[in-house]
Structures are given as C-alpha cells and as structure tokens.
Amino acid sequence: MTPTDELQTLLETGGVEGAVRERVARYGALLLEANQRFNLTGAKSAAELAPHLLDSLTIAPYVSDSLVDIGSGGGLPAIPLALATGVPVTMVETTVKKARFLGEMLAAFDLRGEVVAERAEVAAHEARLRGAFTTGTARAVSSAPTVAELLLPFLAIGGVAVMQRGTMDDRERNALADAALMLGAEVEREEPLDGERRVIFVRKVAPTQNRFPRRIGIPEKRPLCL
C-alpha cells in the first residue's frame, strides 16, 4: 500500500470524505516524501502523520474568507485547511527550505495564496499584511500570549484567531485574556476537544497598537502578561 492509499484509509476512518480526503492524503504523502530529505515534521509514517492531518481539519468549519498561518513549517494546519475550504492562505515561514516546500504545495494543488519567508514579528508590520485576514492560525508550541501577539496584528477587525492548544493552566488562560485586551481583542470562547486538547477563539475588536508584535524574539522570551 502506498503512503497515499494508507493515508486515505486512515482519513476515511477519521471521517474525512470524498475529494478532500484524496487531496489531503496526496499532500500528506508529499510531506512524508520531502521529510526524508529535510525536517518538516516529526511524523515519519502515514500512521504518525494522519492524526496531525485530522487535527488540522478539526478547525476547517471555523475558517472563512482569508487565512493567515504563522510558523507554517510543513504546512499544518494551513495546507489541509486550504484544501478543505478553498480559502486563500498566506503562510508565514522563515526557514527557506520549508517556505520553498510550501510554495510547491500551493502550486501542486492549485491553491490560492502565498508564502511569506519572514519572521512573523517582521511580516506583521508590513502594510499589505497587517489587518488583512479574517482567520488566523498557528500550530505553535509557544505560550498562548506569545501566539496571540504574533497572530492578532495580521487580523482585520472582526477576524478570529483560531488557536489550537493542549494543556492550559489558569495562569496561562488568564494571561491570554489580559494579553488579548492589550492587542485589541477578546477571548470569545473555548471549546474542548478530546483529552487535554482545546480550541480557543480570540476575536479582534479594535486595531492592534503599532508597537505589537515586539521585535524578533521578544514575544517568546517575554510573553505578555505571563
């Protein structure tokens, strides 16, 4: 069985239907193939990758109009979301090899969008990108306030940051709420998934002050309110 066929079977078991399943499986196979040449994902097999593809597709119902994804890496969740929804996707990824792979995926699947090969701290201050998107994602391991600071400047007023998170304690949750206010946003709701996983929705309600995000490295070293 080819990786594409194996992924199709696993995605079907996970409830993914029709053409979306086939395209996401093909993307997954290309990701695994490229991963043999340089590091794109920790998943080394179809069985290891399938849960990440399914996790990415979990938030497809919440994506609308235009999507920005920061720290895109090998394209999770951005590529599966673009395949499932058809919305244009802008992926912000500073590593040149990863950015090149992402561009190849846009071309391979005829997806609308672009790859911005810059740090989010820099890209978010570009006039054409700042306040330009209705949905934002970041499958990052940084603290929630850090992700919020990097992501919210990209969103238009009324746009939503859809943040996939694992375990969160009250300190991080409260820090996110306070940081969101500083960034012109508010935590709208939190939806639990299986185990410790959750999705947090942060809506942009006012312009983000020009000083955010702070310069490269500072949001991660000194998270707001944490």
C-alpha atoms as a PDB file:
ATOM      1  CA  MET A   1       0.000   0.000   0.000  1.00  0.00           C
ATOM      2  CA  THR A   2       1.352   3.419  -0.959  1.00  0.00           C
ATOM      3  CA  PRO A   3       1.550   6.227   1.613  1.00  0.00           C
ATOM      4  CA  THR A   4      -1.279   7.998  -0.232  1.00  0.00           C
ATOM      5  CA  ASP A   5      -3.514   4.929  -0.059  1.00  0.00           C
ATOM      6  CA  GLU A   6      -2.670   4.358   3.592  1.00  0.00           C
ATOM      7  CA  LEU A   7      -3.436   7.964   4.441  1.00  0.00           C
ATOM      8  CA  GLN A   8      -6.724   7.794   2.536  1.00  0.00           C
ATOM      9  CA  THR A   9      -7.753   4.798   4.617  1.00  0.00           C
ATOM     10  CA  LEU A  10      -6.769   6.482   7.862  1.00  0.00           C
ATOM     11  CA  LEU A  11      -8.519   9.723   6.919  1.00  0.00           C
ATOM     12  CA  GLU A  12     -11.652   7.841   5.909  1.00  0.00           C
ATOM     13  CA  THR A  13     -11.653   6.160   9.314  1.00  0.00           C
ATOM     14  CA  GLY A  14     -11.374   9.639  10.805  1.00  0.00           C
ATOM     15  CA  GLY A  15     -14.483  10.788   8.943  1.00  0.00           C
ATOM     16  CA  VAL A  16     -12.932  12.775   6.081  1.00  0.00           C
ATOM     17  CA  GLU A  17     -14.985  12.448   2.925  1.00  0.00           C
ATOM     18  CA  GLY A  18     -14.525  12.389  -0.850  1.00  0.00           C
ATOM     19  CA  ALA A  19     -12.281  14.745  -2.765  1.00  0.00           C
ATOM     20  CA  VAL A  20     -10.967  16.425   0.367  1.00  0.00           C
ATOM     21  CA  ARG A  21      -9.749  13.073   1.678  1.00  0.00           C
ATOM     22  CA  GLU A  22      -7.947  12.282  -1.578  1.00  0.00           C
ATOM     23  CA  ARG A  23      -6.237  15.685  -1.801  1.00  0.00           C
ATOM     24  CA  VAL A  24      -5.219  15.781   1.853  1.00  0.00           C
ATOM     25  CA  ALA A  25      -3.827  12.248   1.530  1.00  0.00           C
ATOM     26  CA  ARG A  26      -1.777  13.271  -1.514  1.00  0.00           C
ATOM     27  CA  TYR A  27      -0.440  16.278   0.360  1.00  0.00           C
ATOM     28  CA  GLY A  28       0.430  14.058   3.311  1.00  0.00           C
ATOM     29  CA  ALA A  29       2.341  11.651   1.060  1.00  0.00           C
ATOM     30  CA  LEU A  30       4.312  14.543  -0.447  1.00  0.00           C
ATOM     31  CA  LEU A  31       5.063  15.835   3.035  1.00  0.00           C
ATOM     32  CA  LEU A  32       6.386  12.448   4.140  1.00  0.00           C
ATOM     33  CA  GLU A  33       8.487  12.159   0.976  1.00  0.00           C
ATOM     34  CA  ALA A  34      10.040  15.600   1.434  1.00  0.00           C
ATOM     35  CA  ASN A  35      10.550  14.884   5.128  1.00  0.00           C
ATOM     36  CA  GLN A  36      13.099  12.227   4.175  1.00  0.00           C
ATOM     37  CA  ARG A  37      15.305  14.971   2.696  1.00  0.00           C
ATOM     38  CA  PHE A  38      14.923  17.666   5.353  1.00  0.00           C
ATOM     39  CA  ASN A  39      12.979  18.078   8.572  1.00  0.00           C
ATOM     40  CA  LEU A  40       9.396  19.226   8.033  1.00  0.00           C
ATOM     41  CA  THR A  41       7.501  17.205  10.628  1.00  0.00           C
ATOM     42  CA  GLY A  42       8.240  14.807  13.447  1.00  0.00           C
ATOM     43  CA  ALA A  43       5.888  12.274  11.854  1.00  0.00           C
ATOM     44  CA  LYS A  44       7.812   9.631   9.914  1.00  0.00           C
ATOM     45  CA  SER A  45       4.981   7.421   8.654  1.00  0.00           C
ATOM     46  CA  ALA A  46       1.407   7.623   7.435  1.00  0.00           C
ATOM     47  CA  ALA A  47       0.166   6.297  10.778  1.00  0.00           C
ATOM     48  CA  GLU A  48       2.064   9.006  12.643  1.00  0.00           C
ATOM     49  CA  LEU A  49       1.023  11.783  10.263  1.00  0.00           C
ATOM     50  CA  ALA A  50      -2.700  11.001   9.994  1.00  0.00           C
ATOM     51  CA  PRO A  51      -3.597  12.330  13.485  1.00  0.00           C
ATOM     52  CA  HIS A  52      -1.939  15.652  12.621  1.00  0.00           C
ATOM     53  CA  LEU A  53      -3.904  15.907   9.379  1.00  0.00           C
ATOM     54  CA  LEU A  54      -7.132  15.116  11.203  1.00  0.00           C
ATOM     55  CA  ASP A  55      -6.280  17.635  13.924  1.00  0.00           C
ATOM     56  CA  SER A  56      -5.740  20.299  11.263  1.00  0.00           C
ATOM     57  CA  LEU A  57      -9.095  19.558   9.645  1.00  0.00           C
ATOM     58  CA  THR A  58     -10.845  19.876  13.017  1.00  0.00           C
ATOM     59  CA  ILE A  59     -10.883  23.651  12.667  1.00  0.00           C
ATOM     60  CA  ALA A  60     -11.959  23.798   8.995  1.00  0.00           C
ATOM     61  CA  PRO A  61     -15.542  24.833   9.951  1.00  0.00           C
ATOM     62  CA  TYR A  62     -14.154  27.987  11.565  1.00  0.00           C
ATOM     63  CA  VAL A  63     -12.123  29.205   8.570  1.00  0.00           C
ATOM     64  CA  SER A  64     -13.658  31.892   6.366  1.00  0.00           C
ATOM     65  CA  ASP A  65     -12.724  34.317   3.579  1.00  0.00           C
ATOM     66  CA  SER A  66      -8.952  34.508   4.071  1.00  0.00           C
ATOM     67  CA  LEU A  67      -6.476  32.652   6.262  1.00  0.00           C
ATOM     68  CA  VAL A  68      -3.071  33.553   7.655  1.00  0.00           C
ATOM     69  CA  ASP A  69      -0.996  30.843   9.300  1.00  0.00           C
ATOM     70  CA  ILE A  70       2.219  31.712  11.140  1.00  0.00           C
ATOM     71  CA  GLY A  71       5.128  29.354  11.694  1.00  0.00           C
ATOM     72  CA  SER A  72       3.680  27.105   8.986  1.00  0.00           C
ATOM     73  CA  GLY A  73       6.540  24.569   8.922  1.00  0.00           C
ATOM     74  CA  GLY A  74       5.493  21.711   6.662  1.00  0.00           C
ATOM     75  CA  GLY A  75       2.034  23.205   6.131  1.00  0.00           C
ATOM     76  CA  LEU A  76      -0.008  22.085   9.138  1.00  0.00           C
ATOM     77  CA  PRO A  77      -2.728  23.195   9.560  1.00  0.00           C
ATOM     78  CA  ALA A  78      -2.634  25.631   6.624  1.00  0.00           C
ATOM     79  CA  ILE A  79      -2.491  23.260   3.642  1.00  0.00           C
ATOM     80  CA  PRO A  80      -5.212  20.842   4.847  1.00  0.00           C
ATOM     81  CA  LEU A  81      -7.403  23.843   5.689  1.00  0.00           C
ATOM     82  CA  ALA A  82      -6.898  25.363   2.247  1.00  0.00           C
ATOM     83  CA  LEU A  83      -7.655  22.005   0.614  1.00  0.00           C
ATOM     84  CA  ALA A  84     -10.820  21.575   2.669  1.00  0.00           C
ATOM     85  CA  THR A  85     -12.200  25.118   2.437  1.00  0.00           C
ATOM     86  CA  GLY A  86     -10.792  26.641  -0.750  1.00  0.00           C
ATOM     87  CA  VAL A  87      -9.970  29.927   1.005  1.00  0.00           C
ATOM     88  CA  PRO A  88      -6.775  31.766   0.039  1.00  0.00           C
ATOM     89  CA  VAL A  89      -3.998  31.063   2.521  1.00  0.00           C
ATOM     90  CA  THR A  90      -0.943  33.113   3.431  1.00  0.00           C
ATOM     91  CA  MET A  91       1.736  31.106   5.224  1.00  0.00           C
ATOM     92  CA  VAL A  92       4.425  32.888   7.206  1.00  0.00           C
ATOM     93  CA  GLU A  93       7.513  30.669   7.492  1.00  0.00           C
ATOM     94  CA  THR A  94      11.042  31.947   7.964  1.00  0.00           C
ATOM     95  CA  THR A  95      13.007  28.755   7.126  1.00  0.00           C
ATOM     96  CA  VAL A  96      13.892  28.884   3.430  1.00  0.00           C
ATOM     97  CA  LYS A  97      13.609  25.140   2.710  1.00  0.00           C
ATOM     98  CA  LYS A  98      10.243  24.932   4.426  1.00  0.00           C
ATOM     99  CA  ALA A  99       8.996  28.052   2.641  1.00  0.00           C
ATOM    100  CA  ARG A 100      10.055  26.560  -0.696  1.00  0.00           C
ATOM    101  CA  PHE A 101       8.167  23.339   0.055  1.00  0.00           C
ATOM    102  CA  LEU A 102       5.051  25.317   0.973  1.00  0.00           C
ATOM    103  CA  GLY A 103       5.230  27.192  -2.323  1.00  0.00           C
ATOM    104  CA  GLU A 104       5.484  23.869  -4.140  1.00  0.00           C
ATOM    105  CA  MET A 105       2.328  22.670  -2.371  1.00  0.00           C
ATOM    106  CA  LEU A 106       0.401  25.771  -3.395  1.00  0.00           C
ATOM    107  CA  ALA A 107       1.385  25.115  -6.998  1.00  0.00           C
ATOM    108  CA  ALA A 108       0.833  21.346  -6.858  1.00  0.00           C
ATOM    109  CA  PHE A 109      -2.763  21.709  -5.660  1.00  0.00           C
ATOM    110  CA  ASP A 110      -3.548  24.962  -7.476  1.00  0.00           C
ATOM    111  CA  LEU A 111      -4.279  26.700  -4.194  1.00  0.00           C
ATOM    112  CA  ARG A 112      -4.740  30.440  -3.903  1.00  0.00           C
ATOM    113  CA  GLY A 113      -2.277  32.120  -1.604  1.00  0.00           C
ATOM    114  CA  GLU A 114       1.357  32.863  -0.973  1.00  0.00           C
ATOM    115  CA  VAL A 115       4.297  32.087   1.255  1.00  0.00           C
ATOM    116  CA  VAL A 116       5.956  34.903   3.192  1.00  0.00           C
ATOM    117  CA  ALA A 117       9.514  33.871   4.065  1.00  0.00           C
ATOM    118  CA  GLU A 118       9.926  36.173   7.066  1.00  0.00           C
ATOM    119  CA  ARG A 119       9.571  36.117  10.816  1.00  0.00           C
ATOM    120  CA  ALA A 120       6.035  36.893  11.977  1.00  0.00           C
ATOM    121  CA  GLU A 121       7.408  39.797  14.029  1.00  0.00           C
ATOM    122  CA  VAL A 122       8.550  41.414  10.765  1.00  0.00           C
ATOM    123  CA  ALA A 123       5.750  40.356   8.424  1.00  0.00           C
ATOM    124  CA  ALA A 124       3.037  41.644  10.774  1.00  0.00           C
ATOM    125  CA  HIS A 125       4.341  45.185  10.321  1.00  0.00           C
ATOM    126  CA  GLU A 126       4.037  45.084   6.509  1.00  0.00           C
ATOM    127  CA  ALA A 127       1.156  47.311   5.409  1.00  0.00           C
ATOM    128  CA  ARG A 128      -0.254  44.788   2.920  1.00  0.00           C
ATOM    129  CA  LEU A 129      -0.405  42.016   5.557  1.00  0.00           C
ATOM    130  CA  ARG A 130      -1.340  43.888   8.707  1.00  0.00           C
ATOM    131  CA  GLY A 131      -5.055  43.768   9.432  1.00  0.00           C
ATOM    132  CA  ALA A 132      -5.680  41.878   6.202  1.00  0.00           C
ATOM    133  CA  PHE A 133      -7.130  38.492   7.216  1.00  0.00           C
ATOM    134  CA  THR A 134     -10.372  37.170   8.643  1.00  0.00           C
ATOM    135  CA  THR A 135      -8.978  33.959  10.162  1.00  0.00           C
ATOM    136  CA  GLY A 136      -5.615  33.243  11.765  1.00  0.00           C
ATOM    137  CA  THR A 137      -3.996  30.008  12.890  1.00  0.00           C
ATOM    138  CA  ALA A 138      -0.705  28.963  14.456  1.00  0.00           C
ATOM    139  CA  ARG A 139       0.060  25.383  15.372  1.00  0.00           C
ATOM    140  CA  ALA A 140       2.813  26.545  17.669  1.00  0.00           C
ATOM    141  CA  VAL A 141       4.251  25.302  20.930  1.00  0.00           C
ATOM    142  CA  SER A 142       4.803  28.805  22.311  1.00  0.00           C
ATOM    143  CA  SER A 143       2.662  30.152  25.127  1.00  0.00           C
ATOM    144  CA  ALA A 144      -0.826  31.345  24.255  1.00  0.00           C
ATOM    145  CA  PRO A 145       0.020  35.045  24.884  1.00  0.00           C
ATOM    146  CA  THR A 146       3.009  34.731  22.536  1.00  0.00           C
ATOM    147  CA  VAL A 147       0.875  33.218  19.788  1.00  0.00           C
ATOM    148  CA  ALA A 148      -1.730  35.944  20.288  1.00  0.00           C
ATOM    149  CA  GLU A 149       0.846  38.721  19.994  1.00  0.00           C
ATOM    150  CA  LEU A 150       2.259  37.277  16.779  1.00  0.00           C
ATOM    151  CA  LEU A 151      -1.084  36.438  15.186  1.00  0.00           C
ATOM    152  CA  LEU A 152      -3.591  39.165  16.072  1.00  0.00           C
ATOM    153  CA  PRO A 153      -1.824  42.025  14.222  1.00  0.00           C
ATOM    154  CA  PHE A 154      -2.488  40.159  10.961  1.00  0.00           C
ATOM    155  CA  LEU A 155      -6.253  40.072  11.540  1.00  0.00           C
ATOM    156  CA  ALA A 156      -8.872  42.542  10.403  1.00  0.00           C
ATOM    157  CA  ILE A 157     -11.314  43.887  12.959  1.00  0.00           C
ATOM    158  CA  GLY A 158     -13.932  41.180  13.375  1.00  0.00           C
ATOM    159  CA  GLY A 159     -11.433  38.477  12.420  1.00  0.00           C
ATOM    160  CA  VAL A 160     -10.806  35.485  14.643  1.00  0.00           C
ATOM    161  CA  ALA A 161      -7.624  33.782  15.813  1.00  0.00           C
ATOM    162  CA  VAL A 162      -8.389  30.057  15.999  1.00  0.00           C
ATOM    163  CA  MET A 163      -5.832  28.742  18.458  1.00  0.00           C
ATOM    164  CA  GLN A 164      -5.305  25.005  18.870  1.00  0.00           C
ATOM    165  CA  ARG A 165      -3.883  24.344  22.294  1.00  0.00           C
ATOM    166  CA  GLY A 166      -3.080  21.462  24.587  1.00  0.00           C
ATOM    167  CA  THR A 167      -2.958  21.632  28.370  1.00  0.00           C
ATOM    168  CA  MET A 168      -3.500  25.125  29.803  1.00  0.00           C
ATOM    169  CA  ASP A 169      -3.438  26.157  33.426  1.00  0.00           C
ATOM    170  CA  ASP A 170      -5.338  29.100  34.870  1.00  0.00           C
ATOM    171  CA  ARG A 171      -2.239  31.307  34.829  1.00  0.00           C
ATOM    172  CA  GLU A 172      -1.779  30.941  31.061  1.00  0.00           C
ATOM    173  CA  ARG A 173      -5.514  31.257  30.419  1.00  0.00           C
ATOM    174  CA  ASN A 174      -5.732  34.494  32.429  1.00  0.00           C
ATOM    175  CA  ALA A 175      -2.583  35.830  30.758  1.00  0.00           C
ATOM    176  CA  LEU A 176      -4.130  35.184  27.340  1.00  0.00           C
ATOM    177  CA  ALA A 177      -7.269  37.099  28.297  1.00  0.00           C
ATOM    178  CA  ASP A 178      -5.219  40.080  29.521  1.00  0.00           C
ATOM    179  CA  ALA A 179      -2.881  39.983  26.507  1.00  0.00           C
ATOM    180  CA  ALA A 180      -5.837  39.864  24.120  1.00  0.00           C
ATOM    181  CA  LEU A 181      -7.153  43.134  25.603  1.00  0.00           C
ATOM    182  CA  MET A 182      -3.762  44.778  25.071  1.00  0.00           C
ATOM    183  CA  LEU A 183      -3.813  43.592  21.443  1.00  0.00           C
ATOM    184  CA  GLY A 184      -7.296  44.863  20.617  1.00  0.00           C
ATOM    185  CA  ALA A 185      -9.066  41.543  21.028  1.00  0.00           C
ATOM    186  CA  GLU A 186     -11.071  39.435  23.419  1.00  0.00           C
ATOM    187  CA  VAL A 187     -11.228  35.739  24.167  1.00  0.00           C
ATOM    188  CA  GLU A 188     -14.614  34.763  22.792  1.00  0.00           C
ATOM    189  CA  ARG A 189     -14.882  31.129  23.815  1.00  0.00           C
ATOM    190  CA  GLU A 190     -13.004  27.885  24.434  1.00  0.00           C
ATOM    191  CA  GLU A 191     -14.127  24.540  23.038  1.00  0.00           C
ATOM    192  CA  PRO A 192     -12.689  21.322  24.492  1.00  0.00           C
ATOM    193  CA  LEU A 193     -11.721  18.509  22.155  1.00  0.00           C
ATOM    194  CA  ASP A 194     -10.529  15.055  23.180  1.00  0.00           C
ATOM    195  CA  GLY A 195      -8.182  14.678  26.134  1.00  0.00           C
ATOM    196  CA  GLU A 196      -6.418  17.943  27.008  1.00  0.00           C
ATOM    197  CA  ARG A 197      -6.829  19.444  23.529  1.00  0.00           C
ATOM    198  CA  ARG A 198      -8.920  22.545  23.002  1.00  0.00           C
ATOM    199  CA  VAL A 199      -9.625  25.334  20.520  1.00  0.00           C
ATOM    200  CA  ILE A 200      -9.629  28.918  21.767  1.00  0.00           C
ATOM    201  CA  PHE A 201     -11.292  31.640  19.710  1.00  0.00           C
ATOM    202  CA  VAL A 202      -9.912  35.163  20.092  1.00  0.00           C
ATOM    203  CA  ARG A 203     -11.797  37.866  18.189  1.00  0.00           C
ATOM    204  CA  LYS A 204     -10.193  41.123  17.021  1.00  0.00           C
ATOM    205  CA  VAL A 205     -12.391  44.041  18.124  1.00  0.00           C
ATOM    206  CA  ALA A 206     -10.073  47.043  17.677  1.00  0.00           C
ATOM    207  CA  PRO A 207      -6.818  47.895  15.877  1.00  0.00           C
ATOM    208  CA  THR A 208      -3.680  46.437  17.408  1.00  0.00           C
ATOM    209  CA  GLN A 209      -1.248  49.092  18.616  1.00  0.00           C
ATOM    210  CA  ASN A 210       1.657  49.607  16.211  1.00  0.00           C
ATOM    211  CA  ARG A 211       4.185  48.514  18.816  1.00  0.00           C
ATOM    212  CA  PHE A 212       2.918  44.930  18.543  1.00  0.00           C
ATOM    213  CA  PRO A 213       4.313  42.498  17.772  1.00  0.00           C
ATOM    214  CA  ARG A 214       7.503  43.490  19.506  1.00  0.00           C
ATOM    215  CA  ARG A 215      10.855  42.928  17.846  1.00  0.00           C
ATOM    216  CA  ILE A 216      12.147  39.480  16.883  1.00  0.00           C
ATOM    217  CA  GLY A 217      12.347  37.030  19.768  1.00  0.00           C
ATOM    218  CA  ILE A 218      10.810  39.258  22.430  1.00  0.00           C
ATOM    219  CA  PRO A 219       7.232  37.845  22.286  1.00  0.00           C
ATOM    220  CA  GLU A 220       8.594  34.394  23.055  1.00  0.00           C
ATOM    221  CA  LYS A 221      11.191  35.455  25.614  1.00  0.00           C
ATOM    222  CA  ARG A 222       8.838  37.832  27.451  1.00  0.00           C
ATOM    223  CA  PRO A 223       5.216  36.776  26.828  1.00  0.00           C
ATOM    224  CA  LEU A 224       2.655  39.462  27.527  1.00  0.00           C
ATOM    225  CA  CYS A 225       1.017  39.242  30.955  1.00  0.00           C
ATOM    226  CA  LEU A 226       2.662  35.910  31.791  1.00  0.00           C
END
